[in-house]
Amino acid sequence: MHTFPTECTSTHEDSDTGECRVILVGTWPALRGEGTVPDGAAQITRCAERDELGSIVYATGAGWILAGQDLDDGDVQRTIAKARAVREGIRLAILGQSRDWRRCERWMRRGCRVYLEDTINLRRGVAAIRASQTLEVNVMDRIFFEVLRERATGPAPHLTRRERDVLELLRRGMRNREIAGALFVTENTVEYHMRHLLSKFSARNRLEVVERATALGLA
């Protein structure tokens, strides 16, 4: 067991103190080297021997298990079960490979609170875990979110600058005449761009254009 230097250790749970205590099981490339936690933002304790996990959870009062990049699903399952036998409410964060979006989706459905790409640096990784703890939200690394979003909605279409302008005004609820006035073009020109937007988003009406553009992060 090795604890990287941070603020003092106590047995209070994270949620009571606002501190962030993490037990790393497995490896995280970002912790090779000095392993200094930025700005004392978290205490990270490495669990080298998994048989010691229960005693480490008890001794540190950790609120998080971070499953390293070398743990397979069975390892993760056994690790979190052992940790929760000591502290029922301990949360799970996982480091995974960017191409394995299926695993990300599977573990987020199983109750994983934070899923990050295994190449993430120390500062961003700690910030993600702290954000989840402070805001009580689930955090998924953007690279996984983008793949899942594309699978759900299809690839984002390429829009011209004028189509983006029309889309933005459409999102604000403007009608064609109002859009034409705002862009200093004719209504026929707006209708031309609208036809292209309907086609590119495979939408039946203006509302679907906005909904699909929003889902793809384009509006």
Protein backbone atom coordinates (compact mmCIF):
# COMPACT_ATOMS: atom_id res chain seq x y z
CA MET A 1 0.00 0.00 0.00
CA HIS A 2 1.28 3.46 -0.85
CA THR A 3 -0.48 6.75 -0.16
CA PHE A 4 0.50 9.73 -2.26
CA PRO A 5 1.10 12.92 -0.22
CA THR A 6 -2.01 14.96 0.50
CA GLU A 7 -3.87 16.25 3.48
CA CYS A 8 -4.11 14.14 6.62
CA THR A 9 -6.05 10.88 6.67
CA SER A 10 -9.12 10.34 8.79
CA THR A 11 -11.77 7.66 8.96
CA HIS A 12 -14.66 10.01 8.11
CA GLU A 13 -16.38 9.35 4.81
CA ASP A 14 -15.76 11.69 1.88
CA SER A 15 -19.32 12.97 1.76
CA ASP A 16 -19.07 14.15 5.36
CA THR A 17 -15.82 16.09 5.00
CA GLY A 18 -15.76 17.21 1.38
CA GLU A 19 -12.45 15.39 0.97
CA CYS A 20 -11.87 12.94 -1.84
CA ARG A 21 -10.22 9.64 -0.91
CA VAL A 22 -9.58 7.12 -3.65
CA ILE A 23 -8.17 3.60 -3.56
CA LEU A 24 -6.47 2.66 -6.82
CA VAL A 25 -6.61 -1.04 -7.61
CA GLY A 26 -4.48 -1.88 -10.63
CA THR A 27 -2.48 0.59 -12.69
CA TRP A 28 -2.93 4.16 -13.88
CA PRO A 29 -0.16 5.47 -16.17
CA ALA A 30 -0.64 8.98 -14.83
CA LEU A 31 0.63 7.84 -11.43
CA ARG A 32 3.98 6.65 -12.70
CA GLY A 33 6.62 8.97 -11.38
CA GLU A 34 6.05 11.23 -8.41
CA GLY A 35 2.29 10.65 -8.23
CA THR A 36 1.62 14.05 -6.66
CA VAL A 37 -2.05 14.84 -6.41
CA PRO A 38 -2.67 18.37 -7.76
CA ASP A 39 -3.39 21.03 -5.12
CA GLY A 40 -4.05 18.42 -2.45
CA ALA A 41 -7.35 17.77 -4.22
CA ALA A 42 -7.48 14.10 -3.34
CA GLN A 43 -5.81 11.32 -1.43
CA ILE A 44 -5.01 8.34 -3.63
CA THR A 45 -3.98 5.11 -1.94
CA ARG A 46 -2.58 2.34 -4.10
CA CYS A 47 -3.72 -1.16 -3.20
CA ALA A 48 -0.94 -3.44 -4.41
CA GLU A 49 -2.28 -6.60 -2.75
CA ARG A 50 -5.99 -7.13 -3.30
CA ASP A 51 -6.23 -9.28 -0.18
CA GLU A 52 -5.53 -6.07 1.75
CA LEU A 53 -8.36 -4.11 0.12
CA GLY A 54 -10.84 -4.45 2.97
CA SER A 55 -8.40 -3.24 5.59
CA ILE A 56 -7.33 -0.32 3.36
CA VAL A 57 -10.95 0.75 2.82
CA TYR A 58 -11.50 0.68 6.58
CA ALA A 59 -8.26 2.46 7.47
CA THR A 60 -8.51 5.28 4.93
CA GLY A 61 -12.26 5.90 5.01
CA ALA A 62 -12.13 6.00 1.22
CA GLY A 63 -15.22 6.96 -0.73
CA TRP A 64 -13.97 5.67 -4.10
CA ILE A 65 -12.52 2.60 -5.73
CA LEU A 66 -10.64 3.40 -8.96
CA ALA A 67 -10.29 0.29 -11.12
CA GLY A 68 -7.08 0.55 -13.12
CA GLN A 69 -6.54 -0.21 -16.78
CA ASP A 70 -5.36 -3.78 -16.19
CA LEU A 71 -8.52 -5.01 -14.43
CA ASP A 72 -11.00 -7.04 -16.46
CA ASP A 73 -14.72 -7.10 -15.71
CA GLY A 74 -14.43 -10.00 -13.31
CA ASP A 75 -11.66 -8.23 -11.39
CA VAL A 76 -13.72 -5.06 -11.16
CA GLN A 77 -16.77 -6.95 -9.94
CA ARG A 78 -14.82 -8.77 -7.24
CA THR A 79 -13.01 -5.61 -6.19
CA ILE A 80 -16.10 -3.46 -5.72
CA ALA A 81 -17.94 -6.30 -3.95
CA LYS A 82 -15.06 -6.68 -1.48
CA ALA A 83 -14.91 -2.93 -0.89
CA ARG A 84 -18.67 -2.66 -0.32
CA ALA A 85 -18.56 -5.44 2.20
CA VAL A 86 -16.62 -2.96 4.34
CA ARG A 87 -18.22 0.33 3.21
CA GLU A 88 -21.55 -0.15 1.47
CA GLY A 89 -21.71 3.25 -0.16
CA ILE A 90 -18.24 3.31 -1.70
CA ARG A 91 -18.36 4.52 -5.31
CA LEU A 92 -16.75 3.07 -8.40
CA ALA A 93 -14.61 4.78 -11.03
CA ILE A 94 -13.06 2.88 -13.94
CA LEU A 95 -10.22 3.52 -16.39
CA GLY A 96 -10.91 1.98 -19.80
CA GLN A 97 -9.61 1.94 -23.34
CA SER A 98 -11.07 4.56 -25.65
CA ARG A 99 -12.14 2.07 -28.30
CA ASP A 100 -14.11 -0.07 -25.82
CA TRP A 101 -17.33 1.94 -25.68
CA ARG A 102 -19.37 -1.22 -25.02
CA ARG A 103 -17.61 -1.73 -21.70
CA CYS A 104 -18.17 1.89 -20.77
CA GLU A 105 -21.89 1.61 -21.49
CA ARG A 106 -22.14 -1.69 -19.61
CA TRP A 107 -20.49 -0.41 -16.44
CA MET A 108 -22.33 2.92 -16.39
CA ARG A 109 -25.55 0.89 -16.41
CA ARG A 110 -24.20 -1.21 -13.55
CA GLY A 111 -23.74 1.84 -11.37
CA CYS A 112 -20.20 3.01 -12.15
CA ARG A 113 -20.08 6.71 -11.25
CA VAL A 114 -17.04 7.79 -13.29
CA TYR A 115 -15.68 6.16 -16.47
CA LEU A 116 -12.50 7.67 -17.91
CA GLU A 117 -10.09 6.92 -20.72
CA ASP A 118 -7.06 5.14 -19.29
CA THR A 119 -4.68 7.74 -20.76
CA ILE A 120 -6.28 10.60 -18.83
CA ASN A 121 -3.82 12.74 -16.89
CA LEU A 122 -3.80 13.03 -13.12
CA ARG A 123 -5.33 16.49 -12.86
CA ARG A 124 -8.29 15.72 -15.14
CA GLY A 125 -8.87 12.35 -13.55
CA VAL A 126 -9.01 13.79 -10.05
CA ALA A 127 -11.20 16.66 -11.23
CA ALA A 128 -13.70 14.22 -12.77
CA ILE A 129 -13.96 12.18 -9.58
CA ARG A 130 -14.31 15.28 -7.43
CA ALA A 131 -17.01 16.67 -9.74
CA SER A 132 -18.99 13.46 -9.48
CA GLN A 133 -18.66 13.46 -5.70
CA THR A 134 -19.49 17.14 -5.22
CA LEU A 135 -22.35 17.39 -7.69
CA GLU A 136 -23.71 13.84 -7.24
CA VAL A 137 -23.59 13.20 -10.98
CA ASN A 138 -22.19 10.46 -13.19
CA VAL A 139 -19.19 11.42 -15.31
CA MET A 140 -18.29 9.81 -18.62
CA ASP A 141 -15.16 10.77 -20.52
CA ARG A 142 -16.10 12.71 -23.64
CA ILE A 143 -14.49 10.20 -25.98
CA PHE A 144 -16.97 7.52 -24.88
CA PHE A 145 -19.90 9.92 -24.92
CA GLU A 146 -19.20 10.92 -28.51
CA VAL A 147 -19.13 7.30 -29.68
CA LEU A 148 -22.36 6.44 -27.85
CA ARG A 149 -24.05 9.57 -29.16
CA GLU A 150 -23.05 8.79 -32.73
CA ARG A 151 -24.39 5.26 -32.42
CA ALA A 152 -27.69 6.56 -31.09
CA THR A 153 -28.18 9.40 -33.54
CA GLY A 154 -25.91 8.65 -36.50
CA PRO A 155 -22.90 10.70 -37.57
CA ALA A 156 -23.20 14.46 -37.41
CA PRO A 157 -23.84 16.00 -40.86
CA HIS A 158 -21.58 18.68 -42.26
CA LEU A 159 -23.30 22.07 -42.22
CA THR A 160 -22.33 25.16 -44.18
CA ARG A 161 -21.87 28.41 -42.28
CA ARG A 162 -25.22 29.71 -43.54
CA GLU A 163 -26.98 26.50 -42.55
CA ARG A 164 -25.57 26.91 -39.07
CA ASP A 165 -26.89 30.47 -38.98
CA VAL A 166 -30.36 29.32 -40.02
CA LEU A 167 -30.25 26.47 -37.51
CA GLU A 168 -29.35 28.80 -34.65
CA LEU A 169 -32.26 31.14 -35.43
CA LEU A 170 -34.54 28.18 -35.91
CA ARG A 171 -33.52 26.96 -32.45
CA ARG A 172 -34.64 30.32 -31.08
CA GLY A 173 -38.12 29.70 -32.47
CA MET A 174 -38.00 32.11 -35.40
CA ARG A 175 -40.16 31.60 -38.49
CA ASN A 176 -38.81 31.82 -42.03
CA ARG A 177 -39.74 35.46 -42.47
CA GLU A 178 -38.00 36.42 -39.21
CA ILE A 179 -34.92 34.40 -40.13
CA ALA A 180 -34.80 36.09 -43.52
CA GLY A 181 -34.95 39.49 -41.87
CA ALA A 182 -32.25 38.63 -39.35
CA LEU A 183 -29.89 37.32 -42.04
CA PHE A 184 -30.78 39.96 -44.67
CA VAL A 185 -31.76 37.33 -47.22
CA THR A 186 -35.01 36.43 -48.97
CA GLU A 187 -37.54 33.92 -47.65
CA ASN A 188 -36.81 31.78 -50.70
CA THR A 189 -33.17 31.59 -49.60
CA VAL A 190 -34.21 30.55 -46.09
CA GLU A 191 -36.53 27.90 -47.54
CA TYR A 192 -33.63 26.61 -49.65
CA HIS A 193 -31.45 26.20 -46.54
CA MET A 194 -34.37 24.66 -44.64
CA ARG A 195 -34.75 21.96 -47.29
CA HIS A 196 -31.08 21.12 -46.91
CA LEU A 197 -31.36 20.98 -43.11
CA LEU A 198 -34.39 18.68 -43.31
CA SER A 199 -32.50 16.40 -45.65
CA LYS A 200 -29.23 16.36 -43.73
CA PHE A 201 -30.95 15.53 -40.43
CA SER A 202 -33.46 13.14 -42.05
CA ALA A 203 -36.13 15.20 -40.31
CA ARG A 204 -39.81 15.51 -41.15
CA ASN A 205 -40.27 19.01 -39.78
CA ARG A 206 -38.53 21.98 -38.19
CA LEU A 207 -38.92 20.63 -34.67
CA GLU A 208 -37.12 17.39 -35.56
CA VAL A 209 -34.28 19.39 -37.10
CA VAL A 210 -33.75 21.18 -33.81
CA GLU A 211 -34.12 18.02 -31.72
CA ARG A 212 -31.62 16.03 -33.79
CA ALA A 213 -29.18 18.90 -34.04
CA THR A 214 -29.33 19.29 -30.26
CA ALA A 215 -28.74 15.56 -29.73
CA LEU A 216 -25.65 15.80 -31.92
CA GLY A 217 -24.36 18.87 -30.14
CA LEU A 218 -24.90 21.14 -33.15
CA ALA A 219 -27.54 23.38 -31.62
